[in-house]
Amino acid sequence: MQLGMELKFLRSQISPHFLFNTLTNLVFLARKKSDRLETSLLMLSNLMRYMLYDAGKKISLKQEIEYLESYVALQKLRFGPDVKIAFIAELSARRHKLQY
């Protein structure tokens, strides 16, 4: 019962389609023996951990921004250089600006 609820919650947070596309991209990186594979796997792992264990809890804005940065980076991996993405977030006096 709890596993079913967790799966439903996971689906409500992020599309299974995104996960399948990300895994396909990771397979491509593995075949190319890309240096980006390890980083991408860690990003996906952190996203999954966040969705399953942290999403129901209070978290810091910094953690939320890190989640969004990982999501954007994995989407960029999927779409490649043809898609331009700008993500700007301000946290305290420090400004985060990511352009892919």
N, C-alpha and C. Protein backbone atom coordinates (compact mmCIF):
# COMPACT_ATOMS: atom_id res chain seq x y z
N MET A 1 0.83 -1.19 0.00
CA MET A 1 0.00 0.00 0.00
C MET A 1 0.87 1.26 0.00
N GLN A 2 1.88 1.30 0.89
CA GLN A 2 2.73 2.48 0.97
C GLN A 2 3.52 2.67 -0.32
N LEU A 3 4.00 1.58 -0.91
CA LEU A 3 4.75 1.68 -2.16
C LEU A 3 3.88 2.28 -3.26
N GLY A 4 2.61 1.88 -3.31
CA GLY A 4 1.68 2.43 -4.29
C GLY A 4 1.47 3.92 -4.10
N MET A 5 1.38 4.35 -2.85
CA MET A 5 1.22 5.77 -2.56
C MET A 5 2.47 6.54 -2.95
N GLU A 6 3.65 5.96 -2.68
CA GLU A 6 4.90 6.62 -3.04
C GLU A 6 5.02 6.75 -4.56
N LEU A 7 4.62 5.71 -5.29
CA LEU A 7 4.67 5.76 -6.74
C LEU A 7 3.72 6.82 -7.27
N LYS A 8 2.54 6.90 -6.70
CA LYS A 8 1.57 7.92 -7.11
C LYS A 8 2.13 9.31 -6.84
N PHE A 9 2.75 9.48 -5.68
CA PHE A 9 3.34 10.77 -5.34
C PHE A 9 4.47 11.11 -6.31
N LEU A 10 5.30 10.12 -6.61
CA LEU A 10 6.41 10.32 -7.55
C LEU A 10 5.88 10.77 -8.90
N ARG A 11 4.86 10.12 -9.37
CA ARG A 11 4.28 10.48 -10.67
C ARG A 11 3.70 11.89 -10.66
N SER A 12 3.16 12.29 -9.52
CA SER A 12 2.60 13.64 -9.45
C SER A 12 3.70 14.69 -9.44
N GLN A 13 4.89 14.33 -9.02
CA GLN A 13 6.00 15.28 -8.93
C GLN A 13 6.75 15.44 -10.25
N ILE A 14 6.90 14.35 -10.95
CA ILE A 14 7.70 14.41 -12.18
C ILE A 14 7.20 13.33 -13.13
N SER A 15 7.19 13.64 -14.37
CA SER A 15 6.65 12.74 -15.36
C SER A 15 7.53 11.50 -15.53
N PRO A 16 6.91 10.31 -15.55
CA PRO A 16 7.70 9.11 -15.86
C PRO A 16 8.38 9.23 -17.23
N HIS A 17 7.76 9.99 -18.13
CA HIS A 17 8.36 10.22 -19.44
C HIS A 17 9.73 10.89 -19.29
N PHE A 18 9.85 11.85 -18.37
CA PHE A 18 11.12 12.50 -18.09
C PHE A 18 12.15 11.47 -17.63
N LEU A 19 11.75 10.57 -16.74
CA LEU A 19 12.68 9.56 -16.24
C LEU A 19 13.15 8.63 -17.34
N PHE A 20 12.25 8.18 -18.19
CA PHE A 20 12.64 7.30 -19.28
C PHE A 20 13.59 8.01 -20.25
N ASN A 21 13.29 9.26 -20.57
CA ASN A 21 14.18 10.03 -21.46
C ASN A 21 15.55 10.21 -20.82
N THR A 22 15.58 10.50 -19.54
CA THR A 22 16.85 10.70 -18.85
C THR A 22 17.66 9.41 -18.85
N LEU A 23 17.02 8.29 -18.57
CA LEU A 23 17.73 7.01 -18.58
C LEU A 23 18.27 6.70 -19.98
N THR A 24 17.51 6.99 -21.00
CA THR A 24 17.98 6.79 -22.37
C THR A 24 19.21 7.65 -22.66
N ASN A 25 19.18 8.89 -22.19
CA ASN A 25 20.34 9.77 -22.36
C ASN A 25 21.55 9.24 -21.60
N LEU A 26 21.34 8.67 -20.43
CA LEU A 26 22.45 8.12 -19.65
C LEU A 26 23.05 6.89 -20.33
N VAL A 27 22.22 6.09 -20.96
CA VAL A 27 22.72 4.95 -21.73
C VAL A 27 23.60 5.45 -22.88
N PHE A 28 23.15 6.52 -23.54
CA PHE A 28 23.94 7.11 -24.62
C PHE A 28 25.30 7.59 -24.10
N LEU A 29 25.31 8.25 -22.94
CA LEU A 29 26.58 8.71 -22.35
C LEU A 29 27.48 7.53 -22.00
N ALA A 30 26.88 6.45 -21.51
CA ALA A 30 27.66 5.26 -21.15
C ALA A 30 28.30 4.66 -22.39
N ARG A 31 27.56 4.61 -23.47
CA ARG A 31 28.10 4.05 -24.72
C ARG A 31 29.24 4.89 -25.27
N LYS A 32 29.15 6.20 -25.08
CA LYS A 32 30.20 7.10 -25.53
C LYS A 32 31.36 7.16 -24.54
N LYS A 33 31.18 6.52 -23.37
CA LYS A 33 32.17 6.60 -22.30
C LYS A 33 32.44 8.07 -21.93
N SER A 34 31.34 8.82 -21.84
CA SER A 34 31.42 10.25 -21.56
C SER A 34 31.78 10.53 -20.10
N ASP A 35 32.54 11.58 -19.89
CA ASP A 35 32.88 12.02 -18.55
C ASP A 35 31.67 12.61 -17.83
N ARG A 36 30.63 12.95 -18.57
CA ARG A 36 29.42 13.54 -17.98
C ARG A 36 28.50 12.49 -17.37
N LEU A 37 28.77 11.20 -17.59
CA LEU A 37 27.87 10.15 -17.10
C LEU A 37 27.76 10.17 -15.58
N GLU A 38 28.88 10.19 -14.89
CA GLU A 38 28.84 10.13 -13.43
C GLU A 38 28.06 11.31 -12.84
N THR A 39 28.34 12.49 -13.30
CA THR A 39 27.64 13.69 -12.82
C THR A 39 26.14 13.59 -13.08
N SER A 40 25.79 13.14 -14.27
CA SER A 40 24.38 13.01 -14.63
C SER A 40 23.67 11.96 -13.78
N LEU A 41 24.34 10.85 -13.51
CA LEU A 41 23.76 9.82 -12.64
C LEU A 41 23.54 10.35 -11.23
N LEU A 42 24.49 11.11 -10.73
CA LEU A 42 24.35 11.69 -9.39
C LEU A 42 23.20 12.70 -9.35
N MET A 43 23.04 13.48 -10.41
CA MET A 43 21.92 14.43 -10.47
C MET A 43 20.58 13.69 -10.44
N LEU A 44 20.48 12.63 -11.24
CA LEU A 44 19.25 11.85 -11.26
C LEU A 44 18.99 11.22 -9.91
N SER A 45 20.02 10.69 -9.29
CA SER A 45 19.88 10.09 -7.97
C SER A 45 19.39 11.12 -6.95
N ASN A 46 19.95 12.32 -6.99
CA ASN A 46 19.52 13.37 -6.07
C ASN A 46 18.08 13.79 -6.33
N LEU A 47 17.68 13.84 -7.59
CA LEU A 47 16.30 14.17 -7.91
C LEU A 47 15.35 13.11 -7.35
N MET A 48 15.70 11.86 -7.53
CA MET A 48 14.86 10.77 -7.02
C MET A 48 14.77 10.81 -5.49
N ARG A 49 15.88 11.04 -4.85
CA ARG A 49 15.91 11.12 -3.39
C ARG A 49 15.02 12.27 -2.92
N TYR A 50 15.15 13.39 -3.58
CA TYR A 50 14.34 14.56 -3.24
C TYR A 50 12.85 14.24 -3.38
N MET A 51 12.49 13.64 -4.51
CA MET A 51 11.07 13.35 -4.77
C MET A 51 10.50 12.34 -3.79
N LEU A 52 11.28 11.34 -3.44
CA LEU A 52 10.76 10.27 -2.57
C LEU A 52 10.82 10.60 -1.09
N TYR A 53 11.84 11.32 -0.67
CA TYR A 53 12.06 11.49 0.77
C TYR A 53 11.97 12.92 1.27
N ASP A 54 12.24 13.90 0.42
CA ASP A 54 12.29 15.28 0.90
C ASP A 54 11.09 16.13 0.50
N ALA A 55 10.36 15.72 -0.52
CA ALA A 55 9.29 16.57 -1.06
C ALA A 55 8.18 16.84 -0.06
N GLY A 56 7.94 15.96 0.87
CA GLY A 56 6.89 16.17 1.85
C GLY A 56 7.34 16.94 3.07
N LYS A 57 8.63 17.22 3.16
CA LYS A 57 9.19 17.91 4.31
C LYS A 57 9.49 19.36 3.98
N LYS A 58 9.70 20.13 5.03
CA LYS A 58 10.19 21.49 4.82
C LYS A 58 11.66 21.38 4.46
N ILE A 59 12.02 22.07 3.39
CA ILE A 59 13.42 22.09 2.96
C ILE A 59 13.84 23.53 2.74
N SER A 60 15.12 23.75 2.65
CA SER A 60 15.62 25.10 2.45
C SER A 60 15.42 25.52 0.99
N LEU A 61 15.41 26.80 0.80
CA LEU A 61 15.33 27.34 -0.55
C LEU A 61 16.54 26.91 -1.37
N LYS A 62 17.68 26.82 -0.71
CA LYS A 62 18.90 26.36 -1.38
C LYS A 62 18.72 24.95 -1.94
N GLN A 63 18.12 24.05 -1.14
CA GLN A 63 17.88 22.69 -1.62
C GLN A 63 16.91 22.69 -2.80
N GLU A 64 15.90 23.53 -2.74
CA GLU A 64 14.94 23.62 -3.84
C GLU A 64 15.62 24.11 -5.11
N ILE A 65 16.49 25.10 -4.98
CA ILE A 65 17.22 25.62 -6.13
C ILE A 65 18.14 24.55 -6.71
N GLU A 66 18.82 23.79 -5.85
CA GLU A 66 19.69 22.71 -6.32
C GLU A 66 18.88 21.66 -7.08
N TYR A 67 17.69 21.35 -6.59
CA TYR A 67 16.80 20.41 -7.28
C TYR A 67 16.47 20.94 -8.68
N LEU A 68 16.09 22.21 -8.75
CA LEU A 68 15.74 22.80 -10.04
C LEU A 68 16.93 22.85 -10.98
N GLU A 69 18.11 23.15 -10.45
CA GLU A 69 19.32 23.17 -11.28
C GLU A 69 19.59 21.79 -11.87
N SER A 70 19.42 20.75 -11.07
CA SER A 70 19.63 19.38 -11.57
C SER A 70 18.61 19.04 -12.65
N TYR A 71 17.36 19.40 -12.39
CA TYR A 71 16.31 19.12 -13.37
C TYR A 71 16.60 19.81 -14.70
N VAL A 72 16.98 21.07 -14.64
CA VAL A 72 17.28 21.83 -15.86
C VAL A 72 18.49 21.21 -16.57
N ALA A 73 19.52 20.84 -15.83
CA ALA A 73 20.71 20.24 -16.44
C ALA A 73 20.37 18.92 -17.14
N LEU A 74 19.52 18.11 -16.53
CA LEU A 74 19.14 16.85 -17.16
C LEU A 74 18.26 17.08 -18.39
N GLN A 75 17.42 18.10 -18.34
CA GLN A 75 16.62 18.43 -19.52
C GLN A 75 17.53 18.92 -20.65
N LYS A 76 18.56 19.69 -20.28
CA LYS A 76 19.50 20.18 -21.28
C LYS A 76 20.26 19.01 -21.92
N LEU A 77 20.58 18.02 -21.12
CA LEU A 77 21.22 16.81 -21.64
C LEU A 77 20.33 16.17 -22.69
N ARG A 78 19.05 16.17 -22.43
CA ARG A 78 18.08 15.58 -23.35
C ARG A 78 17.97 16.37 -24.66
N PHE A 79 17.85 17.69 -24.55
CA PHE A 79 17.57 18.50 -25.73
C PHE A 79 18.82 18.99 -26.46
N GLY A 80 19.96 19.00 -25.78
CA GLY A 80 21.20 19.40 -26.43
C GLY A 80 21.32 20.89 -26.62
N PRO A 81 22.28 21.29 -27.44
CA PRO A 81 22.59 22.71 -27.59
C PRO A 81 21.56 23.51 -28.38
N ASP A 82 20.61 22.84 -29.02
CA ASP A 82 19.62 23.54 -29.83
C ASP A 82 18.60 24.31 -28.98
N VAL A 83 18.46 23.93 -27.73
CA VAL A 83 17.49 24.56 -26.85
C VAL A 83 18.24 25.45 -25.85
N LYS A 84 17.86 26.70 -25.80
CA LYS A 84 18.48 27.65 -24.87
C LYS A 84 17.60 27.76 -23.63
N ILE A 85 18.21 27.57 -22.48
CA ILE A 85 17.49 27.64 -21.21
C ILE A 85 18.22 28.62 -20.31
N ALA A 86 17.48 29.53 -19.72
CA ALA A 86 18.06 30.46 -18.74
C ALA A 86 17.33 30.24 -17.42
N PHE A 87 18.07 30.06 -16.36
CA PHE A 87 17.51 29.87 -15.02
C PHE A 87 18.26 30.81 -14.09
N ILE A 88 17.53 31.75 -13.49
CA ILE A 88 18.15 32.73 -12.60
C ILE A 88 17.41 32.69 -11.27
N ALA A 89 18.16 32.54 -10.20
CA ALA A 89 17.56 32.52 -8.86
C ALA A 89 18.46 33.32 -7.92
N GLU A 90 17.85 34.09 -7.06
CA GLU A 90 18.61 34.85 -6.08
C GLU A 90 18.37 34.23 -4.71
N LEU A 91 19.44 33.98 -4.01
CA LEU A 91 19.38 33.43 -2.67
C LEU A 91 20.29 34.26 -1.79
N SER A 92 19.72 34.93 -0.83
CA SER A 92 20.44 35.87 0.04
C SER A 92 21.11 36.91 -0.84
N ALA A 93 22.38 37.18 -0.56
CA ALA A 93 23.10 38.17 -1.35
C ALA A 93 23.77 37.53 -2.56
N ARG A 94 23.72 36.20 -2.63
CA ARG A 94 24.38 35.48 -3.72
C ARG A 94 23.40 35.25 -4.85
N ARG A 95 23.81 35.49 -6.04
CA ARG A 95 22.93 35.30 -7.20
C ARG A 95 23.38 34.08 -7.99
N HIS A 96 22.45 33.21 -8.32
CA HIS A 96 22.72 32.04 -9.15
C HIS A 96 22.22 32.36 -10.55
N LYS A 97 23.04 32.15 -11.51
CA LYS A 97 22.62 32.34 -12.89
C LYS A 97 23.17 31.19 -13.71
N LEU A 98 22.27 30.43 -14.26
CA LEU A 98 22.66 29.31 -15.11
C LEU A 98 22.11 29.55 -16.49
N GLN A 99 22.94 29.47 -17.48
CA GLN A 99 22.48 29.52 -18.85
C GLN A 99 23.04 28.31 -19.56
N TYR A 100 22.17 27.58 -20.18
CA TYR A 100 22.57 26.36 -20.86
C TYR A 100 22.42 26.56 -22.35
